[in-house]
Amino acid sequence: MTNSLYTAMNSQINAELWSAYLYLSMSLNAEKLGYSGIANWFYHQHQEEQSHARLFQEFMQERDVPITLLPIEAVPTSWNTIEEMFEKTLEHEQQVTLRINHLMAIAKEQKDYMAEERLWWFIREQLEEEATARGILMDLRLIDGDRVGLYHLNERLGKRVAS
C-alpha cells in the first residue's frame, strides 16, 4: 500500500465518521420534529457509517499501515422538512460514491489488488445506499405532504433494524 493510497484511506475513515455524525444529527432532528421512525432509520444509518470507518481501519491495520485520526468537522444540525433531509442524504451518498471511486482509481493505478478487492465491497454498498435514499425520496415526493402517507412512511422506516 503506497503513501497516497494510505493517505486517501485515512481521509476516508474521517469521511465515514463525519457521515456517522451527519446521520446522527439527522436522527436527532427527525426526533425533534416528531418522526421517531425516521429518526430510527437515520440512527441505523449512523451506526452503519461507523462500521464502514471500522472496515477501513481494519484493512489498514491488517496491512500494518498507521492510522491518524483527524478532527471531525461540524455537521449541519437542522433541516426544515423530512424531504430536505433525504435530498441531502442522496446528495451526500453521491459524494461518498465519488470518494470511493477515487480510492479505487488510486488502487488500480498502483496495482494494489488487495485494496481493489476491499473497495469492491464499498462500491456495491454505495449502489445500495444511493438506491435506498433515492427510493425514500421518491416515496416522499409521491406522498407530497400527505400526512397519512408520511405517517405510514414513518412507521415503515421505524421498522429498520441493525444489519
N, C-alpha and C. Protein backbone atom coordinates (compact mmCIF):
# COMPACT_ATOMS: atom_id res chain seq x y z
N MET A 1 0.86 -1.17 0.00
CA MET A 1 0.00 0.00 0.00
C MET A 1 0.90 1.23 0.00
N THR A 2 0.69 2.10 -0.95
CA THR A 2 1.55 3.27 -1.06
C THR A 2 1.05 4.41 -0.20
N ASN A 3 1.90 5.39 -0.04
CA ASN A 3 1.58 6.53 0.80
C ASN A 3 0.34 7.28 0.32
N SER A 4 0.16 7.43 -0.99
CA SER A 4 -1.01 8.18 -1.47
C SER A 4 -2.30 7.41 -1.20
N LEU A 5 -2.26 6.09 -1.33
CA LEU A 5 -3.45 5.30 -1.03
C LEU A 5 -3.71 5.29 0.47
N TYR A 6 -2.65 5.18 1.26
CA TYR A 6 -2.78 5.24 2.72
C TYR A 6 -3.42 6.57 3.13
N THR A 7 -2.92 7.66 2.59
CA THR A 7 -3.44 8.98 2.93
C THR A 7 -4.91 9.11 2.56
N ALA A 8 -5.27 8.62 1.38
CA ALA A 8 -6.66 8.70 0.92
C ALA A 8 -7.56 7.81 1.78
N MET A 9 -7.11 6.63 2.16
CA MET A 9 -7.93 5.76 3.02
C MET A 9 -8.06 6.35 4.42
N ASN A 10 -6.99 6.91 4.91
CA ASN A 10 -7.05 7.57 6.21
C ASN A 10 -8.07 8.70 6.18
N SER A 11 -8.07 9.46 5.10
CA SER A 11 -9.06 10.52 4.93
C SER A 11 -10.47 9.95 4.84
N GLN A 12 -10.59 8.76 4.24
CA GLN A 12 -11.91 8.14 4.12
C GLN A 12 -12.44 7.70 5.48
N ILE A 13 -11.57 7.28 6.38
CA ILE A 13 -12.01 6.95 7.74
C ILE A 13 -12.66 8.19 8.34
N ASN A 14 -12.00 9.33 8.20
CA ASN A 14 -12.54 10.58 8.72
C ASN A 14 -13.88 10.91 8.05
N ALA A 15 -13.97 10.71 6.73
CA ALA A 15 -15.21 11.00 6.00
C ALA A 15 -16.34 10.08 6.46
N GLU A 16 -16.04 8.83 6.74
CA GLU A 16 -17.07 7.90 7.22
C GLU A 16 -17.56 8.31 8.60
N LEU A 17 -16.64 8.75 9.45
CA LEU A 17 -17.05 9.20 10.78
C LEU A 17 -17.85 10.50 10.70
N TRP A 18 -17.48 11.38 9.75
CA TRP A 18 -18.28 12.59 9.53
C TRP A 18 -19.68 12.21 9.07
N SER A 19 -19.78 11.22 8.19
CA SER A 19 -21.08 10.73 7.74
C SER A 19 -21.90 10.21 8.92
N ALA A 20 -21.25 9.49 9.82
CA ALA A 20 -21.95 8.99 11.00
C ALA A 20 -22.51 10.15 11.82
N TYR A 21 -21.72 11.20 12.00
CA TYR A 21 -22.20 12.38 12.72
C TYR A 21 -23.36 13.04 11.99
N LEU A 22 -23.26 13.12 10.67
CA LEU A 22 -24.33 13.72 9.88
C LEU A 22 -25.64 12.97 10.11
N TYR A 23 -25.59 11.64 10.03
CA TYR A 23 -26.81 10.86 10.20
C TYR A 23 -27.31 10.88 11.64
N LEU A 24 -26.42 10.97 12.61
CA LEU A 24 -26.85 11.14 13.99
C LEU A 24 -27.57 12.47 14.15
N SER A 25 -27.04 13.51 13.53
CA SER A 25 -27.67 14.82 13.57
C SER A 25 -29.05 14.78 12.92
N MET A 26 -29.16 14.08 11.79
CA MET A 26 -30.45 13.96 11.13
C MET A 26 -31.43 13.17 12.00
N SER A 27 -30.93 12.14 12.68
CA SER A 27 -31.78 11.36 13.58
C SER A 27 -32.33 12.25 14.69
N LEU A 28 -31.47 13.05 15.28
CA LEU A 28 -31.90 13.95 16.35
C LEU A 28 -32.91 14.97 15.84
N ASN A 29 -32.69 15.48 14.63
CA ASN A 29 -33.60 16.46 14.05
C ASN A 29 -34.96 15.83 13.75
N ALA A 30 -34.96 14.61 13.21
CA ALA A 30 -36.23 13.93 12.92
C ALA A 30 -36.99 13.66 14.21
N GLU A 31 -36.28 13.28 15.24
CA GLU A 31 -36.92 13.04 16.54
C GLU A 31 -37.55 14.33 17.05
N LYS A 32 -36.82 15.43 16.92
CA LYS A 32 -37.33 16.73 17.36
C LYS A 32 -38.61 17.11 16.61
N LEU A 33 -38.68 16.72 15.32
CA LEU A 33 -39.86 17.03 14.51
C LEU A 33 -41.01 16.05 14.78
N GLY A 34 -40.75 15.02 15.60
CA GLY A 34 -41.80 14.08 15.97
C GLY A 34 -41.88 12.83 15.13
N TYR A 35 -40.84 12.56 14.33
CA TYR A 35 -40.83 11.39 13.46
C TYR A 35 -39.86 10.34 14.02
N SER A 36 -40.34 9.59 14.99
CA SER A 36 -39.45 8.63 15.66
C SER A 36 -39.02 7.50 14.72
N GLY A 37 -39.86 7.10 13.78
CA GLY A 37 -39.49 6.05 12.83
C GLY A 37 -38.38 6.50 11.90
N ILE A 38 -38.50 7.71 11.40
CA ILE A 38 -37.46 8.26 10.52
C ILE A 38 -36.19 8.49 11.33
N ALA A 39 -36.34 8.92 12.58
CA ALA A 39 -35.17 9.07 13.46
C ALA A 39 -34.46 7.73 13.63
N ASN A 40 -35.23 6.67 13.77
CA ASN A 40 -34.66 5.33 13.88
C ASN A 40 -33.87 4.98 12.63
N TRP A 41 -34.44 5.26 11.45
CA TRP A 41 -33.76 4.96 10.19
C TRP A 41 -32.41 5.68 10.13
N PHE A 42 -32.41 6.96 10.47
CA PHE A 42 -31.16 7.72 10.43
C PHE A 42 -30.18 7.24 11.51
N TYR A 43 -30.68 6.80 12.66
CA TYR A 43 -29.79 6.31 13.69
C TYR A 43 -29.08 5.03 13.21
N HIS A 44 -29.82 4.15 12.54
CA HIS A 44 -29.18 2.96 12.00
C HIS A 44 -28.18 3.32 10.90
N GLN A 45 -28.47 4.36 10.16
CA GLN A 45 -27.54 4.85 9.14
C GLN A 45 -26.26 5.34 9.82
N HIS A 46 -26.43 6.02 10.94
CA HIS A 46 -25.29 6.49 11.75
C HIS A 46 -24.40 5.31 12.15
N GLN A 47 -25.02 4.25 12.65
CA GLN A 47 -24.26 3.08 13.07
C GLN A 47 -23.56 2.40 11.89
N GLU A 48 -24.24 2.36 10.76
CA GLU A 48 -23.66 1.74 9.57
C GLU A 48 -22.41 2.49 9.12
N GLU A 49 -22.45 3.82 9.17
CA GLU A 49 -21.28 4.61 8.77
C GLU A 49 -20.11 4.38 9.72
N GLN A 50 -20.40 4.20 10.99
CA GLN A 50 -19.33 3.87 11.93
C GLN A 50 -18.70 2.53 11.57
N SER A 51 -19.52 1.57 11.16
CA SER A 51 -18.97 0.27 10.77
C SER A 51 -18.14 0.38 9.50
N HIS A 52 -18.51 1.30 8.60
CA HIS A 52 -17.71 1.50 7.39
C HIS A 52 -16.33 2.04 7.75
N ALA A 53 -16.28 2.98 8.69
CA ALA A 53 -14.99 3.50 9.15
C ALA A 53 -14.16 2.37 9.73
N ARG A 54 -14.82 1.50 10.46
CA ARG A 54 -14.12 0.36 11.08
C ARG A 54 -13.55 -0.59 10.03
N LEU A 55 -14.29 -0.81 8.93
CA LEU A 55 -13.78 -1.68 7.87
C LEU A 55 -12.51 -1.11 7.25
N PHE A 56 -12.47 0.19 7.03
CA PHE A 56 -11.24 0.81 6.51
C PHE A 56 -10.12 0.68 7.53
N GLN A 57 -10.44 0.91 8.79
CA GLN A 57 -9.44 0.81 9.85
C GLN A 57 -8.86 -0.60 9.91
N GLU A 58 -9.72 -1.61 9.89
CA GLU A 58 -9.25 -2.99 9.95
C GLU A 58 -8.36 -3.34 8.76
N PHE A 59 -8.75 -2.87 7.58
CA PHE A 59 -7.96 -3.14 6.39
C PHE A 59 -6.57 -2.54 6.53
N MET A 60 -6.50 -1.32 7.00
CA MET A 60 -5.20 -0.67 7.16
C MET A 60 -4.38 -1.36 8.24
N GLN A 61 -5.02 -1.78 9.31
CA GLN A 61 -4.29 -2.48 10.37
C GLN A 61 -3.78 -3.83 9.89
N GLU A 62 -4.58 -4.54 9.10
CA GLU A 62 -4.14 -5.82 8.54
C GLU A 62 -2.88 -5.66 7.69
N ARG A 63 -2.73 -4.48 7.10
CA ARG A 63 -1.59 -4.22 6.24
C ARG A 63 -0.48 -3.46 6.96
N ASP A 64 -0.65 -3.31 8.27
CA ASP A 64 0.34 -2.65 9.12
C ASP A 64 0.60 -1.20 8.69
N VAL A 65 -0.49 -0.51 8.36
CA VAL A 65 -0.41 0.89 7.97
C VAL A 65 -0.92 1.73 9.14
N PRO A 66 -0.15 2.71 9.58
CA PRO A 66 -0.60 3.52 10.71
C PRO A 66 -1.83 4.36 10.34
N ILE A 67 -2.67 4.58 11.32
CA ILE A 67 -3.89 5.38 11.13
C ILE A 67 -3.76 6.64 11.96
N THR A 68 -4.08 7.75 11.34
CA THR A 68 -4.08 9.02 12.05
C THR A 68 -5.52 9.51 12.11
N LEU A 69 -6.05 9.59 13.33
CA LEU A 69 -7.41 10.09 13.48
C LEU A 69 -7.39 11.61 13.35
N LEU A 70 -8.21 12.10 12.46
CA LEU A 70 -8.27 13.52 12.16
C LEU A 70 -9.48 14.15 12.84
N PRO A 71 -9.46 15.45 13.07
CA PRO A 71 -10.64 16.10 13.65
C PRO A 71 -11.85 15.93 12.73
N ILE A 72 -13.00 15.78 13.33
CA ILE A 72 -14.24 15.66 12.56
C ILE A 72 -14.90 17.03 12.53
N GLU A 73 -15.12 17.53 11.32
CA GLU A 73 -15.73 18.85 11.17
C GLU A 73 -17.18 18.82 11.61
N ALA A 74 -17.68 19.97 11.99
CA ALA A 74 -19.08 20.10 12.40
C ALA A 74 -20.01 19.71 11.26
N VAL A 75 -21.16 19.18 11.62
CA VAL A 75 -22.18 18.80 10.64
C VAL A 75 -23.38 19.73 10.79
N PRO A 76 -24.21 19.83 9.75
CA PRO A 76 -25.46 20.59 9.91
C PRO A 76 -26.29 19.98 11.04
N THR A 77 -27.14 20.80 11.64
CA THR A 77 -27.91 20.31 12.78
C THR A 77 -29.42 20.45 12.61
N SER A 78 -29.87 21.07 11.53
CA SER A 78 -31.32 21.16 11.35
C SER A 78 -31.68 21.24 9.88
N TRP A 79 -32.83 20.68 9.59
CA TRP A 79 -33.41 20.70 8.25
C TRP A 79 -34.87 21.07 8.43
N ASN A 80 -35.43 21.72 7.43
CA ASN A 80 -36.81 22.20 7.55
C ASN A 80 -37.85 21.11 7.37
N THR A 81 -37.54 20.11 6.55
CA THR A 81 -38.51 19.06 6.27
C THR A 81 -37.80 17.71 6.18
N ILE A 82 -38.59 16.66 6.29
CA ILE A 82 -38.06 15.31 6.11
C ILE A 82 -37.57 15.14 4.67
N GLU A 83 -38.30 15.70 3.72
CA GLU A 83 -37.87 15.60 2.33
C GLU A 83 -36.49 16.24 2.13
N GLU A 84 -36.28 17.39 2.75
CA GLU A 84 -34.97 18.04 2.65
C GLU A 84 -33.86 17.15 3.22
N MET A 85 -34.16 16.45 4.32
CA MET A 85 -33.16 15.55 4.90
C MET A 85 -32.78 14.45 3.92
N PHE A 86 -33.77 13.89 3.24
CA PHE A 86 -33.47 12.82 2.30
C PHE A 86 -32.85 13.33 1.00
N GLU A 87 -33.16 14.56 0.61
CA GLU A 87 -32.46 15.17 -0.53
C GLU A 87 -30.97 15.30 -0.20
N LYS A 88 -30.68 15.78 1.02
CA LYS A 88 -29.29 15.92 1.46
C LYS A 88 -28.63 14.55 1.62
N THR A 89 -29.40 13.56 2.05
CA THR A 89 -28.87 12.20 2.18
C THR A 89 -28.43 11.67 0.82
N LEU A 90 -29.28 11.82 -0.19
CA LEU A 90 -28.92 11.35 -1.53
C LEU A 90 -27.70 12.10 -2.05
N GLU A 91 -27.69 13.41 -1.91
CA GLU A 91 -26.52 14.20 -2.35
C GLU A 91 -25.26 13.74 -1.64
N HIS A 92 -25.38 13.50 -0.35
CA HIS A 92 -24.21 13.07 0.42
C HIS A 92 -23.72 11.70 -0.04
N GLU A 93 -24.63 10.76 -0.25
CA GLU A 93 -24.23 9.43 -0.68
C GLU A 93 -23.59 9.47 -2.07
N GLN A 94 -24.05 10.36 -2.92
CA GLN A 94 -23.43 10.52 -4.24
C GLN A 94 -21.99 11.04 -4.09
N GLN A 95 -21.77 11.91 -3.13
CA GLN A 95 -20.41 12.40 -2.86
C GLN A 95 -19.53 11.27 -2.31
N VAL A 96 -20.10 10.45 -1.45
CA VAL A 96 -19.34 9.32 -0.91
C VAL A 96 -18.95 8.38 -2.06
N THR A 97 -19.87 8.15 -2.98
CA THR A 97 -19.57 7.30 -4.14
C THR A 97 -18.37 7.85 -4.91
N LEU A 98 -18.34 9.16 -5.11
CA LEU A 98 -17.19 9.77 -5.81
C LEU A 98 -15.89 9.51 -5.05
N ARG A 99 -15.94 9.60 -3.73
CA ARG A 99 -14.75 9.36 -2.90
C ARG A 99 -14.28 7.91 -3.04
N ILE A 100 -15.23 6.97 -2.99
CA ILE A 100 -14.87 5.55 -3.11
C ILE A 100 -14.31 5.27 -4.51
N ASN A 101 -14.92 5.86 -5.52
CA ASN A 101 -14.40 5.69 -6.89
C ASN A 101 -12.98 6.23 -7.00
N HIS A 102 -12.71 7.34 -6.32
CA HIS A 102 -11.36 7.91 -6.34
C HIS A 102 -10.36 6.95 -5.68
N LEU A 103 -10.77 6.34 -4.56
CA LEU A 103 -9.90 5.36 -3.92
C LEU A 103 -9.61 4.18 -4.86
N MET A 104 -10.65 3.73 -5.55
CA MET A 104 -10.47 2.62 -6.49
C MET A 104 -9.52 3.02 -7.62
N ALA A 105 -9.64 4.23 -8.10
CA ALA A 105 -8.75 4.70 -9.18
C ALA A 105 -7.29 4.68 -8.72
N ILE A 106 -7.05 5.11 -7.48
CA ILE A 106 -5.68 5.08 -6.94
C ILE A 106 -5.20 3.64 -6.83
N ALA A 107 -6.05 2.76 -6.28
CA ALA A 107 -5.66 1.36 -6.11
C ALA A 107 -5.35 0.72 -7.46
N LYS A 108 -6.18 0.99 -8.47
CA LYS A 108 -5.94 0.42 -9.81
C LYS A 108 -4.64 0.96 -10.40
N GLU A 109 -4.43 2.27 -10.26
CA GLU A 109 -3.22 2.89 -10.80
C GLU A 109 -1.98 2.27 -10.16
N GLN A 110 -2.06 1.96 -8.88
CA GLN A 110 -0.92 1.42 -8.16
C GLN A 110 -0.89 -0.11 -8.15
N LYS A 111 -1.84 -0.71 -8.86
CA LYS A 111 -1.94 -2.17 -8.95
C LYS A 111 -1.96 -2.81 -7.55
N ASP A 112 -2.73 -2.19 -6.67
CA ASP A 112 -2.90 -2.71 -5.31
C ASP A 112 -4.17 -3.55 -5.30
N TYR A 113 -4.00 -4.84 -5.62
CA TYR A 113 -5.14 -5.73 -5.79
C TYR A 113 -5.87 -6.02 -4.49
N MET A 114 -5.16 -6.02 -3.38
CA MET A 114 -5.83 -6.23 -2.10
C MET A 114 -6.76 -5.06 -1.79
N ALA A 115 -6.29 -3.85 -2.07
CA ALA A 115 -7.14 -2.67 -1.85
C ALA A 115 -8.34 -2.69 -2.80
N GLU A 116 -8.09 -3.07 -4.06
CA GLU A 116 -9.20 -3.17 -5.01
C GLU A 116 -10.25 -4.13 -4.51
N GLU A 117 -9.82 -5.28 -4.03
CA GLU A 117 -10.77 -6.28 -3.52
C GLU A 117 -11.64 -5.70 -2.41
N ARG A 118 -11.02 -5.01 -1.47
CA ARG A 118 -11.78 -4.42 -0.36
C ARG A 118 -12.72 -3.32 -0.87
N LEU A 119 -12.24 -2.53 -1.81
CA LEU A 119 -13.04 -1.41 -2.31
C LEU A 119 -14.26 -1.85 -3.10
N TRP A 120 -14.21 -3.05 -3.71
CA TRP A 120 -15.39 -3.53 -4.43
C TRP A 120 -16.58 -3.66 -3.49
N TRP A 121 -16.34 -4.05 -2.24
CA TRP A 121 -17.43 -4.13 -1.26
C TRP A 121 -18.08 -2.75 -1.10
N PHE A 122 -17.24 -1.73 -0.98
CA PHE A 122 -17.76 -0.37 -0.80
C PHE A 122 -18.50 0.13 -2.04
N ILE A 123 -18.04 -0.24 -3.21
CA ILE A 123 -18.71 0.15 -4.44
C ILE A 123 -20.12 -0.44 -4.48
N ARG A 124 -20.23 -1.72 -4.14
CA ARG A 124 -21.56 -2.35 -4.10
C ARG A 124 -22.43 -1.70 -3.02
N GLU A 125 -21.83 -1.38 -1.91
CA GLU A 125 -22.56 -0.74 -0.81
C GLU A 125 -23.08 0.63 -1.24
N GLN A 126 -22.29 1.38 -1.98
CA GLN A 126 -22.72 2.70 -2.42
C GLN A 126 -23.88 2.62 -3.41
N LEU A 127 -23.88 1.60 -4.24
CA LEU A 127 -25.02 1.40 -5.14
C LEU A 127 -26.29 1.24 -4.32
N GLU A 128 -26.21 0.43 -3.27
CA GLU A 128 -27.35 0.21 -2.38
C GLU A 128 -27.73 1.49 -1.64
N GLU A 129 -26.74 2.21 -1.13
CA GLU A 129 -27.01 3.44 -0.36
C GLU A 129 -27.74 4.47 -1.21
N GLU A 130 -27.25 4.68 -2.43
CA GLU A 130 -27.89 5.66 -3.30
C GLU A 130 -29.30 5.22 -3.68
N ALA A 131 -29.47 3.95 -3.99
CA ALA A 131 -30.79 3.44 -4.38
C ALA A 131 -31.79 3.57 -3.24
N THR A 132 -31.36 3.28 -2.03
CA THR A 132 -32.25 3.39 -0.87
C THR A 132 -32.66 4.84 -0.64
N ALA A 133 -31.70 5.75 -0.64
CA ALA A 133 -32.02 7.17 -0.44
C ALA A 133 -32.93 7.69 -1.55
N ARG A 134 -32.63 7.30 -2.78
CA ARG A 134 -33.45 7.73 -3.92
C ARG A 134 -34.87 7.20 -3.79
N GLY A 135 -35.01 5.95 -3.36
CA GLY A 135 -36.33 5.34 -3.20
C GLY A 135 -37.16 6.03 -2.13
N ILE A 136 -36.55 6.33 -0.99
CA ILE A 136 -37.28 7.03 0.07
C ILE A 136 -37.66 8.42 -0.39
N LEU A 137 -36.76 9.09 -1.08
CA LEU A 137 -37.06 10.42 -1.60
C LEU A 137 -38.21 10.37 -2.61
N MET A 138 -38.23 9.36 -3.45
CA MET A 138 -39.34 9.21 -4.40
C MET A 138 -40.65 8.97 -3.65
N ASP A 139 -40.62 8.16 -2.58
CA ASP A 139 -41.81 7.95 -1.76
C ASP A 139 -42.30 9.27 -1.18
N LEU A 140 -41.37 10.06 -0.67
CA LEU A 140 -41.75 11.36 -0.09
C LEU A 140 -42.38 12.27 -1.13
N ARG A 141 -41.86 12.23 -2.33
CA ARG A 141 -42.42 13.08 -3.39
C ARG A 141 -43.80 12.58 -3.82
N LEU A 142 -44.01 11.27 -3.80
CA LEU A 142 -45.34 10.73 -4.09
C LEU A 142 -46.34 11.12 -3.01
N ILE A 143 -45.88 11.09 -1.77
CA ILE A 143 -46.73 11.47 -0.64
C ILE A 143 -47.14 12.94 -0.76
N ASP A 144 -46.18 13.77 -1.19
CA ASP A 144 -46.42 15.19 -1.46
C ASP A 144 -47.14 15.90 -0.31
N GLY A 145 -46.61 15.71 0.90
CA GLY A 145 -47.16 16.42 2.04
C GLY A 145 -48.37 15.77 2.68
N ASP A 146 -48.85 14.67 2.14
CA ASP A 146 -50.00 13.98 2.72
C ASP A 146 -49.61 13.43 4.08
N ARG A 147 -50.29 13.85 5.13
CA ARG A 147 -49.93 13.47 6.49
C ARG A 147 -50.10 11.97 6.75
N VAL A 148 -51.12 11.37 6.15
CA VAL A 148 -51.32 9.94 6.35
C VAL A 148 -50.18 9.16 5.68
N GLY A 149 -49.81 9.59 4.48
CA GLY A 149 -48.70 8.93 3.79
C GLY A 149 -47.41 9.07 4.56
N LEU A 150 -47.17 10.26 5.11
CA LEU A 150 -45.96 10.49 5.90
C LEU A 150 -46.00 9.64 7.18
N TYR A 151 -47.17 9.50 7.76
CA TYR A 151 -47.32 8.64 8.94
C TYR A 151 -46.89 7.21 8.59
N HIS A 152 -47.37 6.70 7.47
CA HIS A 152 -47.05 5.33 7.09
C HIS A 152 -45.57 5.16 6.74
N LEU A 153 -44.98 6.16 6.10
CA LEU A 153 -43.54 6.10 5.81
C LEU A 153 -42.75 6.10 7.11
N ASN A 154 -43.16 6.95 8.06
CA ASN A 154 -42.51 7.00 9.36
C ASN A 154 -42.59 5.63 10.05
N GLU A 155 -43.75 5.00 9.97
CA GLU A 155 -43.93 3.66 10.56
C GLU A 155 -43.00 2.65 9.88
N ARG A 156 -42.95 2.69 8.54
CA ARG A 156 -42.12 1.74 7.79
C ARG A 156 -40.64 1.90 8.13
N LEU A 157 -40.17 3.14 8.15
CA LEU A 157 -38.75 3.38 8.43
C LEU A 157 -38.40 3.08 9.88
N GLY A 158 -39.40 3.11 10.75
CA GLY A 158 -39.19 2.77 12.15
C GLY A 158 -38.93 1.30 12.36
N LYS A 159 -39.22 0.48 11.36
CA LYS A 159 -39.01 -0.96 11.47
C LYS A 159 -37.60 -1.38 11.08
N ARG A 160 -36.78 -0.43 10.63
CA ARG A 160 -35.41 -0.78 10.28
C ARG A 160 -34.67 -1.26 11.51
N VAL A 161 -33.95 -2.34 11.35
CA VAL A 161 -33.12 -2.88 12.42
C VAL A 161 -31.66 -2.93 11.96
N ALA A 162 -30.79 -3.09 12.91
CA ALA A 162 -29.37 -3.14 12.58
C ALA A 162 -29.09 -4.29 11.62
N SER A 163 -28.24 -4.01 10.63
CA SER A 163 -27.91 -5.06 9.66
C SER A 163 -26.55 -5.65 9.91
